[in-house]
PDB file of all heavy atoms in Angstrom:
ATOM      1  N   LYS A   1     111.354 116.823  75.666  1.00  0.00           N
ATOM      2  CA  LYS A   1     111.223 115.660  76.605  1.00  0.00           C
ATOM      3  C   LYS A   1     112.414 114.747  76.220  1.00  0.00           C
ATOM      4  O   LYS A   1     113.080 114.245  77.178  1.00  0.00           O
ATOM      5  CB  LYS A   1     109.887 114.893  76.418  1.00  0.00           C
ATOM      6  CG  LYS A   1     109.701 113.757  77.381  1.00  0.00           C
ATOM      7  CD  LYS A   1     108.276 113.250  77.328  1.00  0.00           C
ATOM      8  CE  LYS A   1     108.074 112.083  78.255  1.00  0.00           C
ATOM      9  NZ  LYS A   1     108.613 110.842  77.858  1.00  0.00           N
ATOM     10  N   ASP A   2     112.626 114.426  74.951  1.00  0.00           N
ATOM     11  CA  ASP A   2     113.728 113.477  74.552  1.00  0.00           C
ATOM     12  C   ASP A   2     114.999 114.028  75.034  1.00  0.00           C
ATOM     13  O   ASP A   2     115.861 113.323  75.577  1.00  0.00           O
ATOM     14  CB  ASP A   2     113.760 113.291  73.054  1.00  0.00           C
ATOM     15  CG  ASP A   2     112.558 112.530  72.468  1.00  0.00           C
ATOM     16  OD1 ASP A   2     112.022 111.707  73.178  1.00  0.00           O
ATOM     17  OD2 ASP A   2     112.138 112.924  71.323  1.00  0.00           O
ATOM     18  N   ALA A   3     115.256 115.387  74.793  1.00  0.00           N
ATOM     19  CA  ALA A   3     116.470 116.018  75.116  1.00  0.00           C
ATOM     20  C   ALA A   3     116.708 115.956  76.667  1.00  0.00           C
ATOM     21  O   ALA A   3     117.857 115.617  77.099  1.00  0.00           O
ATOM     22  CB  ALA A   3     116.488 117.455  74.657  1.00  0.00           C
ATOM     23  N   GLU A   4     115.700 116.274  77.410  1.00  0.00           N
ATOM     24  CA  GLU A   4     115.773 116.165  78.869  1.00  0.00           C
ATOM     25  C   GLU A   4     116.201 114.760  79.365  1.00  0.00           C
ATOM     26  O   GLU A   4     117.069 114.595  80.185  1.00  0.00           O
ATOM     27  CB  GLU A   4     114.503 116.682  79.528  1.00  0.00           C
ATOM     28  CG  GLU A   4     114.299 118.159  79.442  1.00  0.00           C
ATOM     29  CD  GLU A   4     112.978 118.641  79.990  1.00  0.00           C
ATOM     30  OE1 GLU A   4     112.177 117.710  80.370  1.00  0.00           O
ATOM     31  OE2 GLU A   4     112.734 119.823  79.937  1.00  0.00           O
ATOM     32  N   GLU A   5     115.498 113.723  78.776  1.00  0.00           N
ATOM     33  CA  GLU A   5     115.792 112.409  79.194  1.00  0.00           C
ATOM     34  C   GLU A   5     117.184 111.908  78.819  1.00  0.00           C
ATOM     35  O   GLU A   5     117.800 111.105  79.516  1.00  0.00           O
ATOM     36  CB  GLU A   5     114.744 111.440  78.521  1.00  0.00           C
ATOM     37  CG  GLU A   5     113.399 111.573  79.135  1.00  0.00           C
ATOM     38  CD  GLU A   5     112.312 110.725  78.437  1.00  0.00           C
ATOM     39  OE1 GLU A   5     112.689 110.023  77.444  1.00  0.00           O
ATOM     40  OE2 GLU A   5     111.173 110.690  78.891  1.00  0.00           O
ATOM     41  N   MET A   6     117.716 112.529  77.746  1.00  0.00           N
ATOM     42  CA  MET A   6     119.082 112.064  77.339  1.00  0.00           C
ATOM     43  C   MET A   6     120.163 113.103  77.808  1.00  0.00           C
ATOM     44  O   MET A   6     121.317 112.856  77.588  1.00  0.00           O
ATOM     45  CB  MET A   6     119.153 111.996  75.808  1.00  0.00           C
ATOM     46  CG  MET A   6     118.223 111.016  75.240  1.00  0.00           C
ATOM     47  SD  MET A   6     118.181 111.019  73.374  1.00  0.00           S
ATOM     48  CE  MET A   6     119.607 110.008  73.039  1.00  0.00           C
ATOM     49  N   GLY A   7     119.668 114.139  78.525  1.00  0.00           N
ATOM     50  CA  GLY A   7     120.715 115.137  79.141  1.00  0.00           C
ATOM     51  C   GLY A   7     121.290 115.981  78.013  1.00  0.00           C
ATOM     52  O   GLY A   7     122.475 116.386  78.151  1.00  0.00           O
ATOM     53  N   LEU A   8     120.522 116.228  76.973  1.00  0.00           N
ATOM     54  CA  LEU A   8     121.005 117.052  75.837  1.00  0.00           C
ATOM     55  C   LEU A   8     120.362 118.478  75.814  1.00  0.00           C
ATOM     56  O   LEU A   8     119.255 118.603  76.276  1.00  0.00           O
ATOM     57  CB  LEU A   8     120.736 116.301  74.585  1.00  0.00           C
ATOM     58  CG  LEU A   8     121.266 114.949  74.415  1.00  0.00           C
ATOM     59  CD1 LEU A   8     120.787 114.226  73.099  1.00  0.00           C
ATOM     60  CD2 LEU A   8     122.824 114.917  74.398  1.00  0.00           C
ATOM     61  N   THR A   9     121.107 119.400  75.231  1.00  0.00           N
ATOM     62  CA  THR A   9     120.585 120.734  75.014  1.00  0.00           C
ATOM     63  C   THR A   9     120.710 121.125  73.518  1.00  0.00           C
ATOM     64  O   THR A   9     121.486 120.621  72.784  1.00  0.00           O
ATOM     65  CB  THR A   9     121.343 121.751  75.903  1.00  0.00           C
ATOM     66  OG1 THR A   9     122.660 121.655  75.487  1.00  0.00           O
ATOM     67  CG2 THR A   9     121.211 121.450  77.387  1.00  0.00           C
ATOM     68  N   ASN A  10     119.835 122.029  73.178  1.00  0.00           N
ATOM     69  CA  ASN A  10     119.784 122.603  71.787  1.00  0.00           C
ATOM     70  C   ASN A  10     121.086 123.170  71.436  1.00  0.00           C
ATOM     71  O   ASN A  10     121.681 123.949  72.194  1.00  0.00           O
ATOM     72  CB  ASN A  10     118.677 123.618  71.587  1.00  0.00           C
ATOM     73  CG  ASN A  10     118.479 124.017  70.163  1.00  0.00           C
ATOM     74  OD1 ASN A  10     118.294 123.129  69.298  1.00  0.00           O
ATOM     75  ND2 ASN A  10     118.521 125.287  69.883  1.00  0.00           N
ATOM     76  N   GLY A  11     121.683 122.766  70.304  1.00  0.00           N
ATOM     77  CA  GLY A  11     122.948 123.304  69.824  1.00  0.00           C
ATOM     78  C   GLY A  11     124.170 122.535  70.363  1.00  0.00           C
ATOM     79  O   GLY A  11     125.266 122.791  69.901  1.00  0.00           O
ATOM     80  N   GLU A  12     123.969 121.610  71.304  1.00  0.00           N
ATOM     81  CA  GLU A  12     125.048 120.851  71.894  1.00  0.00           C
ATOM     82  C   GLU A  12     125.715 119.961  70.781  1.00  0.00           C
ATOM     83  O   GLU A  12     124.931 119.484  69.882  1.00  0.00           O
ATOM     84  CB  GLU A  12     124.558 119.974  72.963  1.00  0.00           C
ATOM     85  CG  GLU A  12     125.574 119.179  73.712  1.00  0.00           C
ATOM     86  CD  GLU A  12     125.133 118.445  74.948  1.00  0.00           C
ATOM     87  OE1 GLU A  12     123.825 118.484  75.174  1.00  0.00           O
ATOM     88  OE2 GLU A  12     125.889 117.720  75.602  1.00  0.00           O
ATOM     89  N   ILE A  13     126.972 119.732  70.818  1.00  0.00           N
ATOM     90  CA  ILE A  13     127.681 118.876  69.881  1.00  0.00           C
ATOM     91  C   ILE A  13     127.978 117.581  70.651  1.00  0.00           C
ATOM     92  O   ILE A  13     128.641 117.640  71.729  1.00  0.00           O
ATOM     93  CB  ILE A  13     128.968 119.530  69.368  1.00  0.00           C
ATOM     94  CG1 ILE A  13     128.651 120.912  68.706  1.00  0.00           C
ATOM     95  CG2 ILE A  13     129.689 118.582  68.389  1.00  0.00           C
ATOM     96  CD1 ILE A  13     127.721 120.852  67.521  1.00  0.00           C
ATOM     97  N   VAL A  14     127.602 116.451  70.103  1.00  0.00           N
ATOM     98  CA  VAL A  14     127.845 115.137  70.611  1.00  0.00           C
ATOM     99  C   VAL A  14     128.490 114.224  69.633  1.00  0.00           C
ATOM    100  O   VAL A  14     128.654 114.618  68.505  1.00  0.00           O
ATOM    101  CB  VAL A  14     126.503 114.528  71.209  1.00  0.00           C
ATOM    102  CG1 VAL A  14     125.912 115.356  72.287  1.00  0.00           C
ATOM    103  CG2 VAL A  14     125.514 114.278  69.992  1.00  0.00           C
ATOM    104  N   SER A  15     128.779 112.997  70.034  1.00  0.00           N
ATOM    105  CA  SER A  15     129.197 111.931  69.165  1.00  0.00           C
ATOM    106  C   SER A  15     128.169 110.803  69.173  1.00  0.00           C
ATOM    107  O   SER A  15     127.377 110.776  70.145  1.00  0.00           O
ATOM    108  CB  SER A  15     130.619 111.384  69.580  1.00  0.00           C
ATOM    109  OG  SER A  15     131.635 112.347  69.516  1.00  0.00           O
ATOM    110  N   VAL A  16     128.166 110.056  68.118  1.00  0.00           N
ATOM    111  CA  VAL A  16     127.152 108.897  68.061  1.00  0.00           C
ATOM    112  C   VAL A  16     127.928 107.692  67.483  1.00  0.00           C
ATOM    113  O   VAL A  16     128.461 107.790  66.351  1.00  0.00           O
ATOM    114  CB  VAL A  16     125.937 109.270  67.168  1.00  0.00           C
ATOM    115  CG1 VAL A  16     124.971 108.002  67.041  1.00  0.00           C
ATOM    116  CG2 VAL A  16     125.178 110.455  67.705  1.00  0.00           C
ATOM    117  N   GLU A  17     127.927 106.657  68.284  1.00  0.00           N
ATOM    118  CA  GLU A  17     128.569 105.454  67.869  1.00  0.00           C
ATOM    119  C   GLU A  17     127.510 104.591  67.060  1.00  0.00           C
ATOM    120  O   GLU A  17     126.432 104.363  67.502  1.00  0.00           O
ATOM    121  CB  GLU A  17     129.048 104.627  69.115  1.00  0.00           C
ATOM    122  CG  GLU A  17     129.767 103.330  68.753  1.00  0.00           C
ATOM    123  CD  GLU A  17     130.114 102.573  69.912  1.00  0.00           C
ATOM    124  OE1 GLU A  17     129.740 102.841  71.087  1.00  0.00           O
ATOM    125  OE2 GLU A  17     130.846 101.530  69.738  1.00  0.00           O
ATOM    126  N   ILE A  18     128.014 104.170  65.908  1.00  0.00           N
ATOM    127  CA  ILE A  18     127.187 103.309  65.009  1.00  0.00           C
ATOM    128  C   ILE A  18     127.708 101.924  65.025  1.00  0.00           C
ATOM    129  O   ILE A  18     128.813 101.588  64.506  1.00  0.00           O
ATOM    130  CB  ILE A  18     127.236 103.821  63.563  1.00  0.00           C
ATOM    131  CG1 ILE A  18     126.956 105.293  63.506  1.00  0.00           C
ATOM    132  CG2 ILE A  18     126.336 103.025  62.682  1.00  0.00           C
ATOM    133  CD1 ILE A  18     125.564 105.724  63.942  1.00  0.00           C
ATOM    134  N   PRO A  19     127.015 100.943  65.653  1.00  0.00           N
ATOM    135  CA  PRO A  19     127.486  99.597  65.710  1.00  0.00           C
ATOM    136  C   PRO A  19     127.050  98.860  64.420  1.00  0.00           C
ATOM    137  O   PRO A  19     125.927  99.063  63.927  1.00  0.00           O
ATOM    138  CB  PRO A  19     126.707  98.972  66.898  1.00  0.00           C
ATOM    139  CG  PRO A  19     125.430  99.746  66.932  1.00  0.00           C
ATOM    140  CD  PRO A  19     125.768 101.160  66.429  1.00  0.00           C
ATOM    141  N   THR A  20     127.931  98.096  63.798  1.00  0.00           N
ATOM    142  CA  THR A  20     127.599  97.361  62.614  1.00  0.00           C
ATOM    143  C   THR A  20     128.149  95.993  62.742  1.00  0.00           C
ATOM    144  O   THR A  20     129.080  95.729  63.535  1.00  0.00           O
ATOM    145  CB  THR A  20     128.178  98.020  61.244  1.00  0.00           C
ATOM    146  OG1 THR A  20     129.541  98.121  61.404  1.00  0.00           O
ATOM    147  CG2 THR A  20     127.499  99.366  61.046  1.00  0.00           C
ATOM    148  N   SER A  21     127.617  95.072  61.980  1.00  0.00           N
ATOM    149  CA  SER A  21     128.099  93.675  62.117  1.00  0.00           C
ATOM    150  C   SER A  21     129.064  93.367  60.897  1.00  0.00           C
ATOM    151  O   SER A  21     129.431  92.195  60.744  1.00  0.00           O
ATOM    152  CB  SER A  21     126.919  92.728  62.014  1.00  0.00           C
ATOM    153  OG  SER A  21     126.173  92.985  60.811  1.00  0.00           O
ATOM    154  N   ASN A  22     129.479  94.392  60.162  1.00  0.00           N
ATOM    155  CA  ASN A  22     130.317  94.131  58.965  1.00  0.00           C
ATOM    156  C   ASN A  22     131.752  94.603  59.206  1.00  0.00           C
ATOM    157  O   ASN A  22     132.466  94.716  58.176  1.00  0.00           O
ATOM    158  CB  ASN A  22     129.674  94.791  57.751  1.00  0.00           C
ATOM    159  CG  ASN A  22     129.688  96.335  57.921  1.00  0.00           C
ATOM    160  OD1 ASN A  22     130.249  96.861  58.867  1.00  0.00           O
ATOM    161  ND2 ASN A  22     128.926  96.982  57.045  1.00  0.00           N
ATOM    162  N   GLY A  23     132.129  94.827  60.416  1.00  0.00           N
ATOM    163  CA  GLY A  23     133.577  95.248  60.687  1.00  0.00           C
ATOM    164  C   GLY A  23     133.865  96.648  60.315  1.00  0.00           C
ATOM    165  O   GLY A  23     135.018  97.083  60.204  1.00  0.00           O
ATOM    166  N   ARG A  24     132.855  97.548  60.172  1.00  0.00           N
ATOM    167  CA  ARG A  24     133.052  98.950  59.870  1.00  0.00           C
ATOM    168  C   ARG A  24     132.501  99.842  60.921  1.00  0.00           C
ATOM    169  O   ARG A  24     131.910 100.930  60.654  1.00  0.00           O
ATOM    170  CB  ARG A  24     132.486  99.299  58.526  1.00  0.00           C
ATOM    171  CG  ARG A  24     133.111  98.460  57.383  1.00  0.00           C
ATOM    172  CD  ARG A  24     132.780  99.083  56.026  1.00  0.00           C
ATOM    173  NE  ARG A  24     133.675 100.162  55.807  1.00  0.00           N
ATOM    174  CZ  ARG A  24     133.654 100.934  54.675  1.00  0.00           C
ATOM    175  NH1 ARG A  24     132.666 100.751  53.869  1.00  0.00           N
ATOM    176  NH2 ARG A  24     134.469 101.895  54.482  1.00  0.00           N
ATOM    177  N   ASN A  25     132.520  99.356  62.242  1.00  0.00           N
ATOM    178  CA  ASN A  25     131.989 100.255  63.286  1.00  0.00           C
ATOM    179  C   ASN A  25     132.603 101.680  63.154  1.00  0.00           C
ATOM    180  O   ASN A  25     133.726 101.846  62.868  1.00  0.00           O
ATOM    181  CB  ASN A  25     132.293  99.684  64.627  1.00  0.00           C
ATOM    182  CG  ASN A  25     131.495  98.397  64.931  1.00  0.00           C
ATOM    183  OD1 ASN A  25     130.930  97.835  64.050  1.00  0.00           O
ATOM    184  ND2 ASN A  25     131.538  98.001  66.158  1.00  0.00           N
ATOM    185  N   LEU A  26     131.786 102.700  63.524  1.00  0.00           N
ATOM    186  CA  LEU A  26     132.210 104.040  63.327  1.00  0.00           C
ATOM    187  C   LEU A  26     131.568 104.935  64.337  1.00  0.00           C
ATOM    188  O   LEU A  26     130.424 104.698  64.683  1.00  0.00           O
ATOM    189  CB  LEU A  26     131.844 104.480  61.912  1.00  0.00           C
ATOM    190  CG  LEU A  26     132.262 105.866  61.447  1.00  0.00           C
ATOM    191  CD1 LEU A  26     133.803 105.932  61.371  1.00  0.00           C
ATOM    192  CD2 LEU A  26     131.643 106.122  60.079  1.00  0.00           C
ATOM    193  N   THR A  27     132.294 105.855  64.912  1.00  0.00           N
ATOM    194  CA  THR A  27     131.783 106.831  65.726  1.00  0.00           C
ATOM    195  C   THR A  27     131.798 108.158  65.075  1.00  0.00           C
ATOM    196  O   THR A  27     132.829 108.671  64.660  1.00  0.00           O
ATOM    197  CB  THR A  27     132.465 106.965  67.138  1.00  0.00           C
ATOM    198  OG1 THR A  27     132.377 105.685  67.781  1.00  0.00           O
ATOM    199  CG2 THR A  27     131.893 107.954  68.059  1.00  0.00           C
ATOM    200  N   PHE A  28     130.550 108.768  64.909  1.00  0.00           N
ATOM    201  CA  PHE A  28     130.494 110.093  64.239  1.00  0.00           C
ATOM    202  C   PHE A  28     130.644 111.166  65.268  1.00  0.00           C
ATOM    203  O   PHE A  28     129.912 111.130  66.342  1.00  0.00           O
ATOM    204  CB  PHE A  28     129.164 110.288  63.489  1.00  0.00           C
ATOM    205  CG  PHE A  28     129.021 109.429  62.309  1.00  0.00           C
ATOM    206  CD1 PHE A  28     128.083 108.449  62.172  1.00  0.00           C
ATOM    207  CD2 PHE A  28     129.809 109.790  61.095  1.00  0.00           C
ATOM    208  CE1 PHE A  28     127.902 107.702  61.033  1.00  0.00           C
ATOM    209  CE2 PHE A  28     129.631 109.046  60.024  1.00  0.00           C
ATOM    210  CZ  PHE A  28     128.694 108.010  59.959  1.00  0.00           C
ATOM    211  N   GLY A  29     131.593 112.077  65.094  1.00  0.00           N
ATOM    212  CA  GLY A  29     131.686 113.313  65.935  1.00  0.00           C
ATOM    213  C   GLY A  29     130.974 114.443  65.266  1.00  0.00           C
ATOM    214  O   GLY A  29     130.395 114.332  64.250  1.00  0.00           O
ATOM    215  N   ASP A  30     130.995 115.534  65.979  1.00  0.00           N
ATOM    216  CA  ASP A  30     130.383 116.849  65.478  1.00  0.00           C
ATOM    217  C   ASP A  30     128.886 116.664  65.074  1.00  0.00           C
ATOM    218  O   ASP A  30     128.548 117.182  64.061  1.00  0.00           O
ATOM    219  CB  ASP A  30     131.216 117.321  64.295  1.00  0.00           C
ATOM    220  CG  ASP A  30     132.699 117.619  64.612  1.00  0.00           C
ATOM    221  OD1 ASP A  30     132.858 118.174  65.761  1.00  0.00           O
ATOM    222  OD2 ASP A  30     133.589 117.318  63.829  1.00  0.00           O
ATOM    223  N   VAL A  31     128.216 115.983  65.832  1.00  0.00           N
ATOM    224  CA  VAL A  31     126.795 115.797  65.646  1.00  0.00           C
ATOM    225  C   VAL A  31     126.031 116.886  66.422  1.00  0.00           C
ATOM    226  O   VAL A  31     126.097 116.935  67.593  1.00  0.00           O
ATOM    227  CB  VAL A  31     126.239 114.408  66.093  1.00  0.00           C
ATOM    228  CG1 VAL A  31     124.784 114.332  65.850  1.00  0.00           C
ATOM    229  CG2 VAL A  31     127.010 113.323  65.325  1.00  0.00           C
ATOM    230  N   VAL A  32     125.272 117.728  65.762  1.00  0.00           N
ATOM    231  CA  VAL A  32     124.618 118.879  66.445  1.00  0.00           C
ATOM    232  C   VAL A  32     123.213 118.373  66.880  1.00  0.00           C
ATOM    233  O   VAL A  32     122.480 117.702  66.153  1.00  0.00           O
ATOM    234  CB  VAL A  32     124.506 120.127  65.562  1.00  0.00           C
ATOM    235  CG1 VAL A  32     123.674 119.933  64.302  1.00  0.00           C
ATOM    236  CG2 VAL A  32     124.019 121.300  66.294  1.00  0.00           C
ATOM    237  N   VAL A  33     122.832 118.771  68.087  1.00  0.00           N
ATOM    238  CA  VAL A  33     121.512 118.501  68.685  1.00  0.00           C
ATOM    239  C   VAL A  33     120.578 119.586  68.357  1.00  0.00           C
ATOM    240  O   VAL A  33     120.890 120.813  68.644  1.00  0.00           O
ATOM    241  CB  VAL A  33     121.628 118.231  70.171  1.00  0.00           C
ATOM    242  CG1 VAL A  33     120.201 117.904  70.769  1.00  0.00           C
ATOM    243  CG2 VAL A  33     122.588 117.052  70.498  1.00  0.00           C
ATOM    244  N   ARG A  34     119.462 119.272  67.730  1.00  0.00           N
ATOM    245  CA  ARG A  34     118.416 120.321  67.459  1.00  0.00           C
ATOM    246  C   ARG A  34     117.149 119.975  68.199  1.00  0.00           C
ATOM    247  O   ARG A  34     116.594 118.894  67.952  1.00  0.00           O
ATOM    248  CB  ARG A  34     118.249 120.388  65.952  1.00  0.00           C
ATOM    249  CG  ARG A  34     119.446 120.850  65.228  1.00  0.00           C
ATOM    250  CD  ARG A  34     119.332 120.694  63.769  1.00  0.00           C
ATOM    251  NE  ARG A  34     118.288 121.321  63.121  1.00  0.00           N
ATOM    252  CZ  ARG A  34     117.901 121.147  61.887  1.00  0.00           C
ATOM    253  NH1 ARG A  34     118.624 120.360  61.081  1.00  0.00           N
ATOM    254  NH2 ARG A  34     116.873 121.713  61.426  1.00  0.00           N
ATOM    255  N   VAL A  35     116.764 120.791  69.107  1.00  0.00           N
ATOM    256  CA  VAL A  35     115.625 120.542  69.985  1.00  0.00           C
ATOM    257  C   VAL A  35     114.396 121.333  69.612  1.00  0.00           C
ATOM    258  O   VAL A  35     114.469 122.552  69.535  1.00  0.00           O
ATOM    259  CB  VAL A  35     115.963 120.799  71.478  1.00  0.00           C
ATOM    260  CG1 VAL A  35     114.758 120.429  72.386  1.00  0.00           C
ATOM    261  CG2 VAL A  35     117.181 119.923  71.863  1.00  0.00           C
ATOM    262  N   SER A  36     113.264 120.666  69.353  1.00  0.00           N
ATOM    263  CA  SER A  36     112.023 121.391  69.073  1.00  0.00           C
ATOM    264  C   SER A  36     110.884 120.363  69.312  1.00  0.00           C
ATOM    265  O   SER A  36     110.967 119.182  69.010  1.00  0.00           O
ATOM    266  CB  SER A  36     111.930 121.902  67.669  1.00  0.00           C
ATOM    267  OG  SER A  36     110.615 122.356  67.347  1.00  0.00           O
ATOM    268  N   ASP A  37     109.786 120.818  69.907  1.00  0.00           N
ATOM    269  CA  ASP A  37     108.660 119.942  70.081  1.00  0.00           C
ATOM    270  C   ASP A  37     107.938 119.588  68.806  1.00  0.00           C
ATOM    271  O   ASP A  37     106.969 118.807  68.771  1.00  0.00           O
ATOM    272  CB  ASP A  37     107.713 120.486  71.157  1.00  0.00           C
ATOM    273  CG  ASP A  37     108.281 120.407  72.542  1.00  0.00           C
ATOM    274  OD1 ASP A  37     109.081 119.449  72.822  1.00  0.00           O
ATOM    275  OD2 ASP A  37     108.039 121.272  73.325  1.00  0.00           O
ATOM    276  N   SER A  38     108.319 120.180  67.704  1.00  0.00           N
ATOM    277  CA  SER A  38     107.808 119.804  66.396  1.00  0.00           C
ATOM    278  C   SER A  38     108.643 118.684  65.727  1.00  0.00           C
ATOM    279  O   SER A  38     108.300 118.313  64.587  1.00  0.00           O
ATOM    280  CB  SER A  38     107.763 121.039  65.425  1.00  0.00           C
ATOM    281  OG  SER A  38     109.084 121.463  65.131  1.00  0.00           O
ATOM    282  N   TYR A  39     109.661 118.123  66.459  1.00  0.00           N
ATOM    283  CA  TYR A  39     110.531 117.084  65.862  1.00  0.00           C
ATOM    284  C   TYR A  39     110.028 115.752  66.393  1.00  0.00           C
ATOM    285  O   TYR A  39     109.342 115.631  67.423  1.00  0.00           O
ATOM    286  CB  TYR A  39     111.914 117.291  66.222  1.00  0.00           C
ATOM    287  CG  TYR A  39     112.623 118.472  65.615  1.00  0.00           C
ATOM    288  CD1 TYR A  39     113.721 119.061  66.269  1.00  0.00           C
ATOM    289  CD2 TYR A  39     112.310 119.000  64.412  1.00  0.00           C
ATOM    290  CE1 TYR A  39     114.381 120.166  65.752  1.00  0.00           C
ATOM    291  CE2 TYR A  39     112.896 120.065  63.822  1.00  0.00           C
ATOM    292  CZ  TYR A  39     114.005 120.654  64.500  1.00  0.00           C
ATOM    293  OH  TYR A  39     114.587 121.732  63.951  1.00  0.00           O
ATOM    294  N   ALA A  40     110.584 114.661  65.805  1.00  0.00           N
ATOM    295  CA  ALA A  40     110.565 113.281  66.314  1.00  0.00           C
ATOM    296  C   ALA A  40     112.017 112.854  66.480  1.00  0.00           C
ATOM    297  O   ALA A  40     112.893 113.225  65.720  1.00  0.00           O
ATOM    298  CB  ALA A  40     109.834 112.403  65.399  1.00  0.00           C
ATOM    299  N   LEU A  41     112.213 112.097  67.541  1.00  0.00           N
ATOM    300  CA  LEU A  41     113.701 111.637  67.845  1.00  0.00           C
ATOM    301  C   LEU A  41     114.296 110.889  66.731  1.00  0.00           C
ATOM    302  O   LEU A  41     113.773 109.766  66.442  1.00  0.00           O
ATOM    303  CB  LEU A  41     113.775 110.929  69.144  1.00  0.00           C
ATOM    304  CG  LEU A  41     115.166 110.535  69.683  1.00  0.00           C
ATOM    305  CD1 LEU A  41     115.994 111.754  69.920  1.00  0.00           C
ATOM    306  CD2 LEU A  41     114.976 109.676  70.933  1.00  0.00           C
ATOM    307  N   ALA A  42     115.357 111.378  66.124  1.00  0.00           N
ATOM    308  CA  ALA A  42     116.025 110.699  65.045  1.00  0.00           C
ATOM    309  C   ALA A  42     117.390 111.404  64.756  1.00  0.00           C
ATOM    310  O   ALA A  42     117.422 112.675  64.872  1.00  0.00           O
ATOM    311  CB  ALA A  42     115.249 110.546  63.792  1.00  0.00           C
TER     312      ALA A  42
END
């Protein structure tokens, strides 16, 4: 359900932007999506 709502598929590679208030904002690339109904979104 989470994957469908976010438009993601199992094994897909995405990036994730991490906002911080300390001047070290960073975007992580090469983030693999793992989909299973035994998971919680994190």
